[in-house]
Amino acid sequence: MILNYLKNVVWPASYIAAILVFMVGILCQLSDRGSFRANEVFALYIMIYVILFFIGNALYLNHGERLTLRMIRKALLSGAPW
């Protein structure tokens, strides 16, 4: 059960968060001002990971279903307990 939960929720959430942080890092390198520092990008990574983890935790996937945008929308609209 726990291994299935880690495979279906935690791994996709960390994968999505890593992609978002990589894109933010690229945008910061391309910007002229360089407004983000490394610790701010790391804090953004932690924030995105925690938000996605709590969304997955609120869904509590019993049947090993994959985390999809439809399921996230359903959880948010149903007032998932944070």
Foldseek 3Di string as FASTA:
>chain_A
DVVLLCVQQLVVQLVVLVVVLVVVVVVLVPDPVSPDDPVNSVVSSVVSSVVSNVLSVLLPDPPSDHDDPVSSVVCVVVPRDD
